[in-house]
């Protein structure tokens, strides 16, 4: 079964890198059939940013390379929630950064809110790796690809000299889902 994943937020939040890491992990390190596409607004920072990753098992054909109805949506800001939350399948997974949203959507998806940007700031003294915290949460909730595959992809895709901090941020996201499961 093809998994349709949409990652969305503002330019400068690392949405494109997050999609690159997820696609690399699925395709290269797990051998899954994968497509990825991206879209972003005219501004480098502040405009809309979106990355879509479709993942199927080896040999499973992806007939259309864009998300039609998301199985998983990561919404890092209010605009992403407002624009894409209605496009998540019933029973799908919707992860929202509550640090950057004021209103939650009415949805039939399984809604998970986390203070992603706030926790990133607390733990890393800036928000540059909030995207990797979000990816850790997404993987912790869905296991759409393995933790090991993501860590290998971070090693390959993270900007030079940032792999370790990106892996720490990813692991913070995983830990946030573990703590939520235990409460």
C-alpha atoms as a PDB file:
ATOM      1  CA  UNK A   1       0.000   0.000   0.000  1.00  0.00           C
ATOM      2  CA  UNK A   2       1.485   3.344  -1.066  1.00  0.00           C
ATOM      3  CA  UNK A   3       1.945   5.813   1.791  1.00  0.00           C
ATOM      4  CA  UNK A   4       1.285   9.420   0.756  1.00  0.00           C
ATOM      5  CA  UNK A   5       3.161  11.853   3.007  1.00  0.00           C
ATOM      6  CA  UNK A   6       2.994  15.644   2.903  1.00  0.00           C
ATOM      7  CA  UNK A   7       5.377  17.814   4.928  1.00  0.00           C
ATOM      8  CA  UNK A   8       4.411  21.485   5.053  1.00  0.00           C
ATOM      9  CA  UNK A   9       5.338  24.775   6.660  1.00  0.00           C
ATOM     10  CA  UNK A  10       7.143  28.004   5.875  1.00  0.00           C
ATOM     11  CA  UNK A  11      10.276  28.570   3.845  1.00  0.00           C
ATOM     12  CA  UNK A  12      13.260  28.414   6.183  1.00  0.00           C
ATOM     13  CA  UNK A  13      11.773  25.669   8.394  1.00  0.00           C
ATOM     14  CA  UNK A  14      13.723  22.922   6.614  1.00  0.00           C
ATOM     15  CA  UNK A  15      10.714  21.228   5.027  1.00  0.00           C
ATOM     16  CA  UNK A  16      12.585  20.431   1.794  1.00  0.00           C
ATOM     17  CA  UNK A  17      15.520  18.876   3.694  1.00  0.00           C
ATOM     18  CA  UNK A  18      13.060  16.829   5.762  1.00  0.00           C
ATOM     19  CA  UNK A  19      11.525  15.429   2.575  1.00  0.00           C
ATOM     20  CA  UNK A  20      14.984  14.732   1.149  1.00  0.00           C
ATOM     21  CA  UNK A  21      15.978  12.777   4.264  1.00  0.00           C
ATOM     22  CA  UNK A  22      12.727  10.796   4.339  1.00  0.00           C
ATOM     23  CA  UNK A  23      12.919   9.936   0.629  1.00  0.00           C
ATOM     24  CA  UNK A  24      16.597   8.957   0.869  1.00  0.00           C
ATOM     25  CA  UNK A  25      15.898   6.739   3.891  1.00  0.00           C
ATOM     26  CA  UNK A  26      13.038   4.952   2.131  1.00  0.00           C
ATOM     27  CA  UNK A  27      14.602   4.582  -1.322  1.00  0.00           C
ATOM     28  CA  UNK A  28      18.306   4.109  -0.686  1.00  0.00           C
ATOM     29  CA  UNK A  29      18.495   2.516   2.755  1.00  0.00           C
ATOM     30  CA  UNK A  30      15.293   0.455   2.707  1.00  0.00           C
ATOM     31  CA  UNK A  31      14.985  -0.224  -1.025  1.00  0.00           C
ATOM     32  CA  UNK A  32      11.394   0.985  -1.171  1.00  0.00           C
ATOM     33  CA  UNK A  33       9.809   2.441  -4.281  1.00  0.00           C
ATOM     34  CA  UNK A  34       9.778   6.183  -3.589  1.00  0.00           C
ATOM     35  CA  UNK A  35       8.983   9.467  -5.304  1.00  0.00           C
ATOM     36  CA  UNK A  36       9.416  12.974  -3.982  1.00  0.00           C
ATOM     37  CA  UNK A  37       8.364  16.411  -5.141  1.00  0.00           C
ATOM     38  CA  UNK A  38       8.629  19.848  -3.592  1.00  0.00           C
ATOM     39  CA  UNK A  39       7.009  23.254  -3.881  1.00  0.00           C
ATOM     40  CA  UNK A  40       7.868  26.552  -2.265  1.00  0.00           C
ATOM     41  CA  UNK A  41       6.816  30.171  -2.512  1.00  0.00           C
ATOM     42  CA  UNK A  42       8.790  33.017  -4.025  1.00  0.00           C
ATOM     43  CA  UNK A  43      10.445  33.994  -0.770  1.00  0.00           C
ATOM     44  CA  UNK A  44      13.247  31.904   0.660  1.00  0.00           C
ATOM     45  CA  UNK A  45      11.999  32.471   4.208  1.00  0.00           C
ATOM     46  CA  UNK A  46       8.378  32.908   5.160  1.00  0.00           C
ATOM     47  CA  UNK A  47       6.720  31.692   1.963  1.00  0.00           C
ATOM     48  CA  UNK A  48       4.867  28.411   1.807  1.00  0.00           C
ATOM     49  CA  UNK A  49       7.012  25.288   1.579  1.00  0.00           C
ATOM     50  CA  UNK A  50       5.877  21.734   0.876  1.00  0.00           C
ATOM     51  CA  UNK A  51       7.553  18.401   0.274  1.00  0.00           C
ATOM     52  CA  UNK A  52       5.658  15.275  -0.718  1.00  0.00           C
ATOM     53  CA  UNK A  53       7.063  11.771  -0.403  1.00  0.00           C
ATOM     54  CA  UNK A  54       5.242   8.682  -1.649  1.00  0.00           C
ATOM     55  CA  UNK A  55       6.558   5.354  -0.393  1.00  0.00           C
ATOM     56  CA  UNK A  56       5.636   1.894  -1.643  1.00  0.00           C
ATOM     57  CA  UNK A  57       7.087  -1.518  -1.121  1.00  0.00           C
ATOM     58  CA  UNK A  58       9.715  -2.744  -3.620  1.00  0.00           C
ATOM     59  CA  UNK A  59       7.982  -3.471  -6.923  1.00  0.00           C
ATOM     60  CA  UNK A  60       4.843  -1.589  -5.912  1.00  0.00           C
ATOM     61  CA  UNK A  61       4.135   0.911  -8.666  1.00  0.00           C
ATOM     62  CA  UNK A  62       3.525   4.552  -7.792  1.00  0.00           C
ATOM     63  CA  UNK A  63       1.140   5.619 -10.530  1.00  0.00           C
ATOM     64  CA  UNK A  64       0.935   9.318  -9.702  1.00  0.00           C
ATOM     65  CA  UNK A  65       3.901  11.123  -8.088  1.00  0.00           C
ATOM     66  CA  UNK A  66       1.914  13.611  -5.987  1.00  0.00           C
ATOM     67  CA  UNK A  67      -0.166  13.341  -2.836  1.00  0.00           C
ATOM     68  CA  UNK A  68      -3.851  13.046  -3.624  1.00  0.00           C
ATOM     69  CA  UNK A  69      -5.097  12.208  -0.118  1.00  0.00           C
ATOM     70  CA  UNK A  70      -2.381  12.144   2.566  1.00  0.00           C
ATOM     71  CA  UNK A  71      -1.862   9.200   4.878  1.00  0.00           C
ATOM     72  CA  UNK A  72       0.453  11.423   6.920  1.00  0.00           C
ATOM     73  CA  UNK A  73       0.587  15.216   7.151  1.00  0.00           C
ATOM     74  CA  UNK A  74       3.145  17.264   9.067  1.00  0.00           C
ATOM     75  CA  UNK A  75       1.911  20.854   9.503  1.00  0.00           C
ATOM     76  CA  UNK A  76       4.552  23.168  10.964  1.00  0.00           C
ATOM     77  CA  UNK A  77       2.430  26.362  10.897  1.00  0.00           C
ATOM     78  CA  UNK A  78      -1.152  27.616  10.779  1.00  0.00           C
ATOM     79  CA  UNK A  79      -1.167  28.084   7.011  1.00  0.00           C
ATOM     80  CA  UNK A  80      -0.202  24.421   6.548  1.00  0.00           C
ATOM     81  CA  UNK A  81      -2.996  23.333   8.903  1.00  0.00           C
ATOM     82  CA  UNK A  82      -5.551  25.528   7.135  1.00  0.00           C
ATOM     83  CA  UNK A  83      -4.445  24.541   3.632  1.00  0.00           C
ATOM     84  CA  UNK A  84      -3.830  20.808   3.934  1.00  0.00           C
ATOM     85  CA  UNK A  85      -5.581  19.300   6.976  1.00  0.00           C
ATOM     86  CA  UNK A  86      -8.753  18.556   4.999  1.00  0.00           C
ATOM     87  CA  UNK A  87      -6.642  16.459   2.597  1.00  0.00           C
ATOM     88  CA  UNK A  88      -5.709  13.791   5.170  1.00  0.00           C
ATOM     89  CA  UNK A  89      -7.389  10.400   4.904  1.00  0.00           C
ATOM     90  CA  UNK A  90      -9.861   9.381   7.576  1.00  0.00           C
ATOM     91  CA  UNK A  91      -7.765   7.555  10.167  1.00  0.00           C
ATOM     92  CA  UNK A  92      -4.562   9.059   8.751  1.00  0.00           C
ATOM     93  CA  UNK A  93      -1.975  10.832  10.897  1.00  0.00           C
ATOM     94  CA  UNK A  94      -1.898  14.615  11.279  1.00  0.00           C
ATOM     95  CA  UNK A  95       1.054  16.034  13.241  1.00  0.00           C
ATOM     96  CA  UNK A  96       0.770  19.728  14.139  1.00  0.00           C
ATOM     97  CA  UNK A  97       3.420  22.011  15.644  1.00  0.00           C
ATOM     98  CA  UNK A  98       1.336  23.669  18.347  1.00  0.00           C
ATOM     99  CA  UNK A  99       4.094  26.271  18.818  1.00  0.00           C
ATOM    100  CA  UNK A 100       3.096  27.876  15.504  1.00  0.00           C
ATOM    101  CA  UNK A 101      -0.649  27.280  15.390  1.00  0.00           C
ATOM    102  CA  UNK A 102      -3.590  28.951  17.090  1.00  0.00           C
ATOM    103  CA  UNK A 103      -6.433  26.809  15.717  1.00  0.00           C
ATOM    104  CA  UNK A 104      -6.687  23.080  15.238  1.00  0.00           C
ATOM    105  CA  UNK A 105      -8.741  21.640  12.408  1.00  0.00           C
ATOM    106  CA  UNK A 106     -11.827  19.535  12.535  1.00  0.00           C
ATOM    107  CA  UNK A 107     -10.576  16.253  11.151  1.00  0.00           C
ATOM    108  CA  UNK A 108     -11.240  12.546  10.994  1.00  0.00           C
ATOM    109  CA  UNK A 109      -7.498  11.927  11.036  1.00  0.00           C
ATOM    110  CA  UNK A 110      -5.638  10.970  14.186  1.00  0.00           C
ATOM    111  CA  UNK A 111      -4.465  14.376  15.384  1.00  0.00           C
ATOM    112  CA  UNK A 112      -1.208  14.724  17.338  1.00  0.00           C
ATOM    113  CA  UNK A 113      -0.035  18.098  18.610  1.00  0.00           C
ATOM    114  CA  UNK A 114       3.463  18.720  19.896  1.00  0.00           C
ATOM    115  CA  UNK A 115       5.291  21.949  20.833  1.00  0.00           C
ATOM    116  CA  UNK A 116       7.954  21.192  18.220  1.00  0.00           C
ATOM    117  CA  UNK A 117       9.477  24.644  17.773  1.00  0.00           C
ATOM    118  CA  UNK A 118       9.302  25.405  21.504  1.00  0.00           C
ATOM    119  CA  UNK A 119      11.010  22.131  22.467  1.00  0.00           C
ATOM    120  CA  UNK A 120      13.682  22.717  19.818  1.00  0.00           C
ATOM    121  CA  UNK A 121      14.395  26.177  21.209  1.00  0.00           C
ATOM    122  CA  UNK A 122      14.583  24.796  24.779  1.00  0.00           C
ATOM    123  CA  UNK A 123      16.939  21.969  23.851  1.00  0.00           C
ATOM    124  CA  UNK A 124      19.124  23.584  21.168  1.00  0.00           C
ATOM    125  CA  UNK A 125      18.850  27.334  21.942  1.00  0.00           C
ATOM    126  CA  UNK A 126      17.570  27.972  18.398  1.00  0.00           C
ATOM    127  CA  UNK A 127      14.948  26.542  16.051  1.00  0.00           C
ATOM    128  CA  UNK A 128      17.123  25.538  13.100  1.00  0.00           C
ATOM    129  CA  UNK A 129      16.630  21.790  13.673  1.00  0.00           C
ATOM    130  CA  UNK A 130      12.885  21.859  14.441  1.00  0.00           C
ATOM    131  CA  UNK A 131      12.383  20.001  11.151  1.00  0.00           C
ATOM    132  CA  UNK A 132      14.405  17.042  12.445  1.00  0.00           C
ATOM    133  CA  UNK A 133      12.516  17.065  15.761  1.00  0.00           C
ATOM    134  CA  UNK A 134       9.322  16.935  13.660  1.00  0.00           C
ATOM    135  CA  UNK A 135      10.723  14.071  11.569  1.00  0.00           C
ATOM    136  CA  UNK A 136      11.519  12.154  14.763  1.00  0.00           C
ATOM    137  CA  UNK A 137       7.926  12.608  15.898  1.00  0.00           C
ATOM    138  CA  UNK A 138       6.596  11.509  12.512  1.00  0.00           C
ATOM    139  CA  UNK A 139       8.761   8.372  12.487  1.00  0.00           C
ATOM    140  CA  UNK A 140       8.021   7.659  16.148  1.00  0.00           C
ATOM    141  CA  UNK A 141       4.291   7.725  15.440  1.00  0.00           C
ATOM    142  CA  UNK A 142       4.201   5.938  12.077  1.00  0.00           C
ATOM    143  CA  UNK A 143       7.397   3.876  11.613  1.00  0.00           C
ATOM    144  CA  UNK A 144       6.936   4.479   7.883  1.00  0.00           C
ATOM    145  CA  UNK A 145      10.707   3.892   7.634  1.00  0.00           C
ATOM    146  CA  UNK A 146      13.186   2.678  10.240  1.00  0.00           C
ATOM    147  CA  UNK A 147      15.040   4.883  12.683  1.00  0.00           C
ATOM    148  CA  UNK A 148      18.350   3.532  11.384  1.00  0.00           C
ATOM    149  CA  UNK A 149      17.505   4.423   7.769  1.00  0.00           C
ATOM    150  CA  UNK A 150      16.653   8.002   8.812  1.00  0.00           C
ATOM    151  CA  UNK A 151      19.904   8.349  10.755  1.00  0.00           C
ATOM    152  CA  UNK A 152      21.906   7.125   7.750  1.00  0.00           C
ATOM    153  CA  UNK A 153      20.035   9.560   5.492  1.00  0.00           C
ATOM    154  CA  UNK A 154      20.720  12.435   7.898  1.00  0.00           C
ATOM    155  CA  UNK A 155      24.442  11.582   7.688  1.00  0.00           C
ATOM    156  CA  UNK A 156      24.243  11.891   3.903  1.00  0.00           C
ATOM    157  CA  UNK A 157      21.804  14.800   3.458  1.00  0.00           C
ATOM    158  CA  UNK A 158      22.436  17.186   6.369  1.00  0.00           C
ATOM    159  CA  UNK A 159      24.470  20.275   5.521  1.00  0.00           C
ATOM    160  CA  UNK A 160      28.179  19.825   6.111  1.00  0.00           C
ATOM    161  CA  UNK A 161      29.043  19.773   9.798  1.00  0.00           C
ATOM    162  CA  UNK A 162      25.436  19.478  11.036  1.00  0.00           C
ATOM    163  CA  UNK A 163      24.759  15.729  10.958  1.00  0.00           C
ATOM    164  CA  UNK A 164      25.282  15.238  14.695  1.00  0.00           C
ATOM    165  CA  UNK A 165      22.975  18.054  15.812  1.00  0.00           C
ATOM    166  CA  UNK A 166      20.369  16.924  13.266  1.00  0.00           C
ATOM    167  CA  UNK A 167      20.517  13.361  14.622  1.00  0.00           C
ATOM    168  CA  UNK A 168      20.188  14.663  18.194  1.00  0.00           C
ATOM    169  CA  UNK A 169      17.123  16.674  17.132  1.00  0.00           C
ATOM    170  CA  UNK A 170      15.631  13.638  15.366  1.00  0.00           C
ATOM    171  CA  UNK A 171      16.154  11.577  18.528  1.00  0.00           C
ATOM    172  CA  UNK A 172      14.491  14.296  20.632  1.00  0.00           C
ATOM    173  CA  UNK A 173      11.406  13.903  18.422  1.00  0.00           C
ATOM    174  CA  UNK A 174      11.465  10.130  18.903  1.00  0.00           C
ATOM    175  CA  UNK A 175      11.733  10.633  22.668  1.00  0.00           C
ATOM    176  CA  UNK A 176       8.775  13.048  22.635  1.00  0.00           C
ATOM    177  CA  UNK A 177       6.598  10.317  21.098  1.00  0.00           C
ATOM    178  CA  UNK A 178       7.851   7.733  23.621  1.00  0.00           C
ATOM    179  CA  UNK A 179       6.991  10.040  26.513  1.00  0.00           C
ATOM    180  CA  UNK A 180       3.547  10.722  25.065  1.00  0.00           C
ATOM    181  CA  UNK A 181       2.919   6.965  24.722  1.00  0.00           C
ATOM    182  CA  UNK A 182       3.880   6.403  28.365  1.00  0.00           C
ATOM    183  CA  UNK A 183       1.554   9.063  29.814  1.00  0.00           C
END
